[in-house]
Amino acid sequence: MRRSRLRARAIGCAYLAALVFAGSTTGTSTQFTTSYRIDSRADRAATLTETFSDRQLAVLEKLNRADLAHLSQLPQLVVPNRWAEDDLAYSMLPLHYEAGVRWPTFVIVYLPGQVFGAYEFGKLVRWGPVSSGGRANPTPSGLFALTWRSAGRASTVNPDWFLRWYFNFGNREGLAFHAYELPGHPASHGCIRLLERDAQWLFEWGQTWTLDSTGTRILQPGTPVFIVGEYGVEGVQPWRSPTWLRQNIALPAPPVTP
């Protein structure tokens, strides 16, 4: 079965690449303009749950690339000076991605910023933080596609690790989106960790591949997954900079081949 999946992925990538057009592109947006401040842990007079509402805490998880359990441990916290009504307003990813307009669903992971964006016909509908592969097992960039999914499965690296809302996008590499802790920096073994709410949403929203009866030929590829750039191994976390957070990222078009 594994050999069949590997062959199907190779066929599917070729088919997917044939559908993606080449050329360069940049995303455009008219996004909410805000400013940010840096709160140090020493300056916090109360716990985060006493200071911020549940919705504000959810925004802080996004901005700081860390789940709630790790937010209070961060030495510095990026906080908006004013709160927007729509979470898309905080996204550095473009609200419109021209290279994705022909796809009903399209996922981008921007590794330098540790963030993902989900697009429907080129329109950003959701974004959130990720934790990609760490220094020893970096997540590769390139064009992939969602394949198969499981509501939960044990990790092949360590069977004691249970991965909820698992959505594979790289059979050969053993890559997948799944829920797991986000410590505020890349820490996975190559997979893309998501907040549980984002992982469950992607699990329900993303499209799997369709295989023929033999399981060796792809009739329809799954949602494209375009992983962009690489994370700087120097340990610099650019989202800790309010100036960096205010910029809009210009995304390239997907490559013709993975």
C-alpha atoms as a PDB file:
ATOM      1  CA  MET A   1       0.000   0.000   0.000  1.00  0.00           C
ATOM      2  CA  ARG A   2       2.864   2.376   0.797  1.00  0.00           C
ATOM      3  CA  ARG A   3       4.399   1.729  -2.651  1.00  0.00           C
ATOM      4  CA  SER A   4       1.043   2.446  -4.272  1.00  0.00           C
ATOM      5  CA  ARG A   5       0.758   5.701  -2.382  1.00  0.00           C
ATOM      6  CA  LEU A   6       4.253   6.743  -3.369  1.00  0.00           C
ATOM      7  CA  ARG A   7       3.519   6.044  -7.015  1.00  0.00           C
ATOM      8  CA  ALA A   8       0.190   7.851  -6.769  1.00  0.00           C
ATOM      9  CA  ARG A   9       1.882  10.881  -5.235  1.00  0.00           C
ATOM     10  CA  ALA A  10       4.393  11.045  -8.083  1.00  0.00           C
ATOM     11  CA  ILE A  11       1.633  10.837 -10.671  1.00  0.00           C
ATOM     12  CA  GLY A  12      -0.474  13.323  -8.751  1.00  0.00           C
ATOM     13  CA  CYS A  13       2.314  15.884  -8.458  1.00  0.00           C
ATOM     14  CA  ALA A  14       2.872  15.764 -12.198  1.00  0.00           C
ATOM     15  CA  TYR A  15      -0.844  16.245 -12.794  1.00  0.00           C
ATOM     16  CA  LEU A  16      -1.021  19.033 -10.231  1.00  0.00           C
ATOM     17  CA  ALA A  17       1.987  20.790 -11.706  1.00  0.00           C
ATOM     18  CA  ALA A  18       0.422  20.663 -15.147  1.00  0.00           C
ATOM     19  CA  LEU A  19      -2.589  22.548 -13.850  1.00  0.00           C
ATOM     20  CA  VAL A  20      -0.645  25.256 -12.022  1.00  0.00           C
ATOM     21  CA  PHE A  21       0.413  28.059 -14.310  1.00  0.00           C
ATOM     22  CA  ALA A  22       3.925  29.492 -14.237  1.00  0.00           C
ATOM     23  CA  GLY A  23       5.124  33.044 -13.836  1.00  0.00           C
ATOM     24  CA  SER A  24       5.663  35.438 -10.991  1.00  0.00           C
ATOM     25  CA  THR A  25       2.902  37.080  -9.039  1.00  0.00           C
ATOM     26  CA  THR A  26       2.418  39.146  -5.948  1.00  0.00           C
ATOM     27  CA  GLY A  27      -0.560  39.213  -3.634  1.00  0.00           C
ATOM     28  CA  THR A  28      -2.383  42.462  -3.069  1.00  0.00           C
ATOM     29  CA  SER A  29      -4.605  43.561  -0.228  1.00  0.00           C
ATOM     30  CA  THR A  30      -6.163  46.517   1.460  1.00  0.00           C
ATOM     31  CA  GLN A  31      -5.613  45.216   4.927  1.00  0.00           C
ATOM     32  CA  PHE A  32      -6.437  46.664   8.304  1.00  0.00           C
ATOM     33  CA  THR A  33      -3.639  48.915   9.510  1.00  0.00           C
ATOM     34  CA  THR A  34      -2.667  48.517  13.118  1.00  0.00           C
ATOM     35  CA  SER A  35       0.333  48.940  15.340  1.00  0.00           C
ATOM     36  CA  TYR A  36       1.784  46.583  17.895  1.00  0.00           C
ATOM     37  CA  ARG A  37       3.607  46.799  21.171  1.00  0.00           C
ATOM     38  CA  ILE A  38       5.929  44.396  22.942  1.00  0.00           C
ATOM     39  CA  ASP A  39       4.941  43.442  26.479  1.00  0.00           C
ATOM     40  CA  SER A  40       7.668  41.865  28.565  1.00  0.00           C
ATOM     41  CA  ARG A  41       6.870  39.149  31.056  1.00  0.00           C
ATOM     42  CA  ALA A  42       8.218  41.325  33.882  1.00  0.00           C
ATOM     43  CA  ASP A  43       5.651  44.022  33.081  1.00  0.00           C
ATOM     44  CA  ARG A  44       2.638  41.722  33.367  1.00  0.00           C
ATOM     45  CA  ALA A  45       0.782  42.473  36.564  1.00  0.00           C
ATOM     46  CA  ALA A  46      -1.867  39.786  36.000  1.00  0.00           C
ATOM     47  CA  THR A  47      -2.237  36.488  34.207  1.00  0.00           C
ATOM     48  CA  LEU A  48      -3.088  36.536  30.525  1.00  0.00           C
ATOM     49  CA  THR A  49      -6.551  35.104  31.135  1.00  0.00           C
ATOM     50  CA  GLU A  50      -7.249  37.946  33.574  1.00  0.00           C
ATOM     51  CA  THR A  51      -6.009  40.584  31.141  1.00  0.00           C
ATOM     52  CA  PHE A  52      -7.428  39.433  27.806  1.00  0.00           C
ATOM     53  CA  SER A  53     -10.724  38.026  26.584  1.00  0.00           C
ATOM     54  CA  ASP A  54     -10.917  34.602  24.949  1.00  0.00           C
ATOM     55  CA  ARG A  55     -11.078  36.193  21.515  1.00  0.00           C
ATOM     56  CA  GLN A  56      -8.083  38.408  22.243  1.00  0.00           C
ATOM     57  CA  LEU A  57      -6.116  35.415  23.500  1.00  0.00           C
ATOM     58  CA  ALA A  58      -6.882  33.642  20.209  1.00  0.00           C
ATOM     59  CA  VAL A  59      -5.407  36.617  18.334  1.00  0.00           C
ATOM     60  CA  LEU A  60      -2.334  36.573  20.575  1.00  0.00           C
ATOM     61  CA  GLU A  61      -1.812  32.892  19.754  1.00  0.00           C
ATOM     62  CA  LYS A  62      -1.755  33.814  16.071  1.00  0.00           C
ATOM     63  CA  LEU A  63       0.560  36.799  16.408  1.00  0.00           C
ATOM     64  CA  ASN A  64       3.027  35.062  18.717  1.00  0.00           C
ATOM     65  CA  ARG A  65       2.988  31.691  16.921  1.00  0.00           C
ATOM     66  CA  ALA A  66       2.320  29.963  20.229  1.00  0.00           C
ATOM     67  CA  ASP A  67      -0.598  28.142  21.815  1.00  0.00           C
ATOM     68  CA  LEU A  68      -2.166  29.378  25.022  1.00  0.00           C
ATOM     69  CA  ALA A  69      -0.119  27.035  27.200  1.00  0.00           C
ATOM     70  CA  HIS A  70       3.091  28.580  25.869  1.00  0.00           C
ATOM     71  CA  LEU A  71       2.024  32.226  25.656  1.00  0.00           C
ATOM     72  CA  SER A  72       2.608  32.924  29.336  1.00  0.00           C
ATOM     73  CA  GLN A  73       6.099  31.411  29.077  1.00  0.00           C
ATOM     74  CA  LEU A  74       7.249  33.752  26.332  1.00  0.00           C
ATOM     75  CA  PRO A  75       9.680  36.444  27.525  1.00  0.00           C
ATOM     76  CA  GLN A  76       7.999  38.941  25.201  1.00  0.00           C
ATOM     77  CA  LEU A  77       4.467  39.154  23.883  1.00  0.00           C
ATOM     78  CA  VAL A  78       3.339  40.936  20.720  1.00  0.00           C
ATOM     79  CA  VAL A  79       0.045  42.716  21.426  1.00  0.00           C
ATOM     80  CA  PRO A  80      -2.080  44.871  19.093  1.00  0.00           C
ATOM     81  CA  ASN A  81      -2.598  48.459  20.178  1.00  0.00           C
ATOM     82  CA  ARG A  82      -6.142  48.153  18.905  1.00  0.00           C
ATOM     83  CA  TRP A  83      -8.256  45.106  18.185  1.00  0.00           C
ATOM     84  CA  ALA A  84      -9.858  44.388  14.823  1.00  0.00           C
ATOM     85  CA  GLU A  85     -13.229  42.714  14.417  1.00  0.00           C
ATOM     86  CA  ASP A  86     -11.960  40.341  11.719  1.00  0.00           C
ATOM     87  CA  ASP A  87      -8.950  38.104  12.375  1.00  0.00           C
ATOM     88  CA  LEU A  88      -7.990  38.357   8.695  1.00  0.00           C
ATOM     89  CA  ALA A  89      -7.029  41.949   9.424  1.00  0.00           C
ATOM     90  CA  TYR A  90      -3.930  40.759  11.270  1.00  0.00           C
ATOM     91  CA  SER A  91      -2.703  38.531   8.447  1.00  0.00           C
ATOM     92  CA  MET A  92       0.547  39.394   6.711  1.00  0.00           C
ATOM     93  CA  LEU A  93      -0.440  37.069   3.890  1.00  0.00           C
ATOM     94  CA  PRO A  94      -2.292  38.788   1.038  1.00  0.00           C
ATOM     95  CA  LEU A  95      -6.069  38.803   1.128  1.00  0.00           C
ATOM     96  CA  HIS A  96      -5.996  37.960  -2.590  1.00  0.00           C
ATOM     97  CA  TYR A  97      -3.610  35.483  -4.216  1.00  0.00           C
ATOM     98  CA  GLU A  98      -3.837  35.618  -7.993  1.00  0.00           C
ATOM     99  CA  ALA A  99      -2.069  32.293  -8.547  1.00  0.00           C
ATOM    100  CA  GLY A 100      -4.786  30.524  -6.563  1.00  0.00           C
ATOM    101  CA  VAL A 101      -7.884  31.885  -8.292  1.00  0.00           C
ATOM    102  CA  ARG A 102      -8.504  28.723 -10.320  1.00  0.00           C
ATOM    103  CA  TRP A 103      -8.513  26.499  -7.236  1.00  0.00           C
ATOM    104  CA  PRO A 104     -11.541  26.057  -4.941  1.00  0.00           C
ATOM    105  CA  THR A 105      -9.091  25.385  -2.089  1.00  0.00           C
ATOM    106  CA  PHE A 106      -5.406  26.265  -1.869  1.00  0.00           C
ATOM    107  CA  VAL A 107      -3.064  26.257   1.141  1.00  0.00           C
ATOM    108  CA  ILE A 108       0.089  28.315   1.557  1.00  0.00           C
ATOM    109  CA  VAL A 109       2.630  27.857   4.341  1.00  0.00           C
ATOM    110  CA  TYR A 110       5.091  30.735   4.651  1.00  0.00           C
ATOM    111  CA  LEU A 111       7.995  29.236   6.571  1.00  0.00           C
ATOM    112  CA  PRO A 112       9.956  32.453   7.345  1.00  0.00           C
ATOM    113  CA  GLY A 113       6.918  33.815   9.160  1.00  0.00           C
ATOM    114  CA  GLN A 114       5.646  30.468  10.536  1.00  0.00           C
ATOM    115  CA  VAL A 115       2.156  31.064   9.226  1.00  0.00           C
ATOM    116  CA  PHE A 116      -0.373  29.365   6.952  1.00  0.00           C
ATOM    117  CA  GLY A 117      -3.131  30.778   4.779  1.00  0.00           C
ATOM    118  CA  ALA A 118      -6.170  29.003   3.306  1.00  0.00           C
ATOM    119  CA  TYR A 119      -7.556  30.411   0.060  1.00  0.00           C
ATOM    120  CA  GLU A 120     -10.780  29.822  -1.844  1.00  0.00           C
ATOM    121  CA  PHE A 121     -10.483  30.819  -5.492  1.00  0.00           C
ATOM    122  CA  GLY A 122      -7.683  33.163  -4.508  1.00  0.00           C
ATOM    123  CA  LYS A 123      -9.450  34.750  -1.518  1.00  0.00           C
ATOM    124  CA  LEU A 124      -7.959  34.349   1.950  1.00  0.00           C
ATOM    125  CA  VAL A 125     -10.539  32.751   4.247  1.00  0.00           C
ATOM    126  CA  ARG A 126      -8.408  31.697   7.220  1.00  0.00           C
ATOM    127  CA  TRP A 127      -4.881  32.060   8.540  1.00  0.00           C
ATOM    128  CA  GLY A 128      -3.024  30.922  11.597  1.00  0.00           C
ATOM    129  CA  PRO A 129       0.318  30.109  13.197  1.00  0.00           C
ATOM    130  CA  VAL A 130       2.360  26.988  12.528  1.00  0.00           C
ATOM    131  CA  SER A 131       5.339  25.214  13.957  1.00  0.00           C
ATOM    132  CA  SER A 132       7.319  23.654  11.130  1.00  0.00           C
ATOM    133  CA  GLY A 133      10.355  21.394  11.211  1.00  0.00           C
ATOM    134  CA  GLY A 134      13.156  22.303  13.578  1.00  0.00           C
ATOM    135  CA  ARG A 135      16.840  22.683  12.772  1.00  0.00           C
ATOM    136  CA  ALA A 136      17.486  18.919  12.494  1.00  0.00           C
ATOM    137  CA  ASN A 137      14.377  18.191  10.395  1.00  0.00           C
ATOM    138  CA  PRO A 138      13.401  21.305   8.437  1.00  0.00           C
ATOM    139  CA  THR A 139      10.176  21.276   6.446  1.00  0.00           C
ATOM    140  CA  PRO A 140      10.967  21.298   2.711  1.00  0.00           C
ATOM    141  CA  SER A 141       9.616  24.049   0.514  1.00  0.00           C
ATOM    142  CA  GLY A 142       7.843  23.294  -2.756  1.00  0.00           C
ATOM    143  CA  LEU A 143       4.517  22.283  -4.215  1.00  0.00           C
ATOM    144  CA  PHE A 144       2.579  19.418  -2.636  1.00  0.00           C
ATOM    145  CA  ALA A 145      -1.073  18.383  -2.376  1.00  0.00           C
ATOM    146  CA  LEU A 146      -3.328  17.039   0.355  1.00  0.00           C
ATOM    147  CA  THR A 147      -3.677  13.273   0.051  1.00  0.00           C
ATOM    148  CA  TRP A 148      -5.365  11.303   2.853  1.00  0.00           C
ATOM    149  CA  ARG A 149      -6.514  12.172   6.343  1.00  0.00           C
ATOM    150  CA  SER A 150      -7.148  10.601   9.718  1.00  0.00           C
ATOM    151  CA  ALA A 151      -8.953  12.064  12.711  1.00  0.00           C
ATOM    152  CA  GLY A 152      -6.101  10.816  14.862  1.00  0.00           C
ATOM    153  CA  ARG A 153      -3.092   8.544  14.639  1.00  0.00           C
ATOM    154  CA  ALA A 154       0.136   7.745  16.482  1.00  0.00           C
ATOM    155  CA  SER A 155       3.321   9.359  15.270  1.00  0.00           C
ATOM    156  CA  THR A 156       5.751   7.133  13.358  1.00  0.00           C
ATOM    157  CA  VAL A 157       8.597   8.937  15.135  1.00  0.00           C
ATOM    158  CA  ASN A 158       7.278   8.194  18.616  1.00  0.00           C
ATOM    159  CA  PRO A 159       4.101   6.094  19.113  1.00  0.00           C
ATOM    160  CA  ASP A 160       3.447   7.944  22.371  1.00  0.00           C
ATOM    161  CA  TRP A 161       2.723  11.094  20.385  1.00  0.00           C
ATOM    162  CA  PHE A 162      -0.909  11.159  19.259  1.00  0.00           C
ATOM    163  CA  LEU A 163      -1.546  13.451  16.299  1.00  0.00           C
ATOM    164  CA  ARG A 164      -5.096  14.743  15.997  1.00  0.00           C
ATOM    165  CA  TRP A 165      -6.687  15.945  12.754  1.00  0.00           C
ATOM    166  CA  TYR A 166      -3.903  14.478  10.653  1.00  0.00           C
ATOM    167  CA  PHE A 167      -3.922  15.499   6.965  1.00  0.00           C
ATOM    168  CA  ASN A 168      -1.063  14.085   4.898  1.00  0.00           C
ATOM    169  CA  PHE A 169       0.479  16.099   2.069  1.00  0.00           C
ATOM    170  CA  GLY A 170       3.714  14.186   1.458  1.00  0.00           C
ATOM    171  CA  ASN A 171       3.766  10.384   1.494  1.00  0.00           C
ATOM    172  CA  ARG A 172       7.396   9.990   0.550  1.00  0.00           C
ATOM    173  CA  GLU A 173       8.526  12.551   3.122  1.00  0.00           C
ATOM    174  CA  GLY A 174       5.971  11.592   5.783  1.00  0.00           C
ATOM    175  CA  LEU A 175       4.651  15.168   5.949  1.00  0.00           C
ATOM    176  CA  ALA A 176       1.287  16.230   7.299  1.00  0.00           C
ATOM    177  CA  PHE A 177      -0.700  18.977   8.952  1.00  0.00           C
ATOM    178  CA  HIS A 178      -1.849  18.025  12.441  1.00  0.00           C
ATOM    179  CA  ALA A 179      -2.656  19.446  15.843  1.00  0.00           C
ATOM    180  CA  TYR A 180       0.165  19.559  18.362  1.00  0.00           C
ATOM    181  CA  GLU A 181       1.771  22.042  20.717  1.00  0.00           C
ATOM    182  CA  LEU A 182       3.034  25.347  19.298  1.00  0.00           C
ATOM    183  CA  PRO A 183       5.911  26.597  21.458  1.00  0.00           C
ATOM    184  CA  GLY A 184       6.504  29.804  19.492  1.00  0.00           C
ATOM    185  CA  HIS A 185       9.205  28.483  17.162  1.00  0.00           C
ATOM    186  CA  PRO A 186       9.782  25.590  14.701  1.00  0.00           C
ATOM    187  CA  ALA A 187       9.847  22.362  16.693  1.00  0.00           C
ATOM    188  CA  SER A 188       8.381  19.528  14.612  1.00  0.00           C
ATOM    189  CA  HIS A 189      10.104  16.655  12.816  1.00  0.00           C
ATOM    190  CA  GLY A 190       9.122  18.107   9.439  1.00  0.00           C
ATOM    191  CA  CYS A 191       5.346  18.180   9.703  1.00  0.00           C
ATOM    192  CA  ILE A 192       3.310  21.370  10.022  1.00  0.00           C
ATOM    193  CA  ARG A 193       1.846  21.715  13.496  1.00  0.00           C
ATOM    194  CA  LEU A 194      -1.337  23.749  13.866  1.00  0.00           C
ATOM    195  CA  LEU A 195      -3.501  24.979  16.690  1.00  0.00           C
ATOM    196  CA  GLU A 196      -6.167  22.360  17.294  1.00  0.00           C
ATOM    197  CA  ARG A 197      -8.974  24.594  16.059  1.00  0.00           C
ATOM    198  CA  ASP A 198      -7.077  25.274  12.834  1.00  0.00           C
ATOM    199  CA  ALA A 199      -6.175  21.610  12.357  1.00  0.00           C
ATOM    200  CA  GLN A 200      -9.783  20.521  12.747  1.00  0.00           C
ATOM    201  CA  TRP A 201     -10.959  23.254  10.395  1.00  0.00           C
ATOM    202  CA  LEU A 202      -8.403  22.259   7.736  1.00  0.00           C
ATOM    203  CA  PHE A 203      -9.316  18.595   8.203  1.00  0.00           C
ATOM    204  CA  GLU A 204     -12.940  19.382   7.329  1.00  0.00           C
ATOM    205  CA  TRP A 205     -12.228  22.028   4.677  1.00  0.00           C
ATOM    206  CA  GLY A 206      -9.396  20.485   2.660  1.00  0.00           C
ATOM    207  CA  GLN A 207      -9.974  18.163  -0.274  1.00  0.00           C
ATOM    208  CA  THR A 208      -8.384  14.707  -0.390  1.00  0.00           C
ATOM    209  CA  TRP A 209      -7.119  13.059  -3.541  1.00  0.00           C
ATOM    210  CA  THR A 210      -9.310  10.629  -5.492  1.00  0.00           C
ATOM    211  CA  LEU A 211      -7.621   7.358  -6.480  1.00  0.00           C
ATOM    212  CA  ASP A 212      -8.679   4.688  -8.944  1.00  0.00           C
ATOM    213  CA  SER A 213      -9.776   1.237  -7.758  1.00  0.00           C
ATOM    214  CA  THR A 214      -6.169  -0.015  -7.707  1.00  0.00           C
ATOM    215  CA  GLY A 215      -4.911   2.841  -5.560  1.00  0.00           C
ATOM    216  CA  THR A 216      -2.086   3.564  -7.990  1.00  0.00           C
ATOM    217  CA  ARG A 217      -3.499   6.332 -10.183  1.00  0.00           C
ATOM    218  CA  ILE A 218      -4.829   9.696  -9.109  1.00  0.00           C
ATOM    219  CA  LEU A 219      -8.104  10.637 -10.700  1.00  0.00           C
ATOM    220  CA  GLN A 220      -8.231  13.997  -8.949  1.00  0.00           C
ATOM    221  CA  PRO A 221      -5.463  15.589  -6.822  1.00  0.00           C
ATOM    222  CA  GLY A 222      -6.249  17.051  -3.444  1.00  0.00           C
ATOM    223  CA  THR A 223      -5.965  20.646  -2.323  1.00  0.00           C
ATOM    224  CA  PRO A 224      -2.634  22.166  -3.466  1.00  0.00           C
ATOM    225  CA  VAL A 225      -0.174  22.936  -0.662  1.00  0.00           C
ATOM    226  CA  PHE A 226       2.514  25.477  -1.526  1.00  0.00           C
ATOM    227  CA  ILE A 227       5.287  25.738   1.077  1.00  0.00           C
ATOM    228  CA  VAL A 228       7.278  28.929   0.580  1.00  0.00           C
ATOM    229  CA  GLY A 229      10.789  29.877   1.705  1.00  0.00           C
ATOM    230  CA  GLU A 230      12.714  28.536   4.661  1.00  0.00           C
ATOM    231  CA  TYR A 231      13.040  29.416   8.312  1.00  0.00           C
ATOM    232  CA  GLY A 232      16.226  31.155   9.401  1.00  0.00           C
ATOM    233  CA  VAL A 233      18.106  28.740  11.616  1.00  0.00           C
ATOM    234  CA  GLU A 234      19.778  31.580  13.485  1.00  0.00           C
ATOM    235  CA  GLY A 235      16.805  31.556  15.828  1.00  0.00           C
ATOM    236  CA  VAL A 236      15.640  35.082  14.956  1.00  0.00           C
ATOM    237  CA  GLN A 237      11.856  35.242  15.207  1.00  0.00           C
ATOM    238  CA  PRO A 238      10.833  38.096  12.902  1.00  0.00           C
ATOM    239  CA  TRP A 239       7.238  38.230  14.173  1.00  0.00           C
ATOM    240  CA  ARG A 240       8.603  39.623  17.437  1.00  0.00           C
ATOM    241  CA  SER A 241       9.163  42.877  15.536  1.00  0.00           C
ATOM    242  CA  PRO A 242       6.149  45.225  15.318  1.00  0.00           C
ATOM    243  CA  THR A 243       7.632  46.722  12.146  1.00  0.00           C
ATOM    244  CA  TRP A 244       7.938  43.306  10.504  1.00  0.00           C
ATOM    245  CA  LEU A 245       4.353  42.442  11.440  1.00  0.00           C
ATOM    246  CA  ARG A 246       3.000  45.504   9.641  1.00  0.00           C
ATOM    247  CA  GLN A 247       4.344  44.497   6.250  1.00  0.00           C
ATOM    248  CA  ASN A 248       2.413  42.565   3.629  1.00  0.00           C
ATOM    249  CA  ILE A 249       4.107  39.487   2.204  1.00  0.00           C
ATOM    250  CA  ALA A 250       4.437  39.236  -1.581  1.00  0.00           C
ATOM    251  CA  LEU A 251       4.055  35.573  -2.477  1.00  0.00           C
ATOM    252  CA  PRO A 252       5.521  33.932  -5.578  1.00  0.00           C
ATOM    253  CA  ALA A 253       3.503  31.761  -7.940  1.00  0.00           C
ATOM    254  CA  PRO A 254       3.867  27.998  -7.503  1.00  0.00           C
ATOM    255  CA  PRO A 255       6.601  26.304  -9.496  1.00  0.00           C
ATOM    256  CA  VAL A 256       5.716  24.361 -12.619  1.00  0.00           C
ATOM    257  CA  THR A 257       7.157  21.219 -11.010  1.00  0.00           C
ATOM    258  CA  PRO A 258       7.370  20.318  -7.305  1.00  0.00           C
END
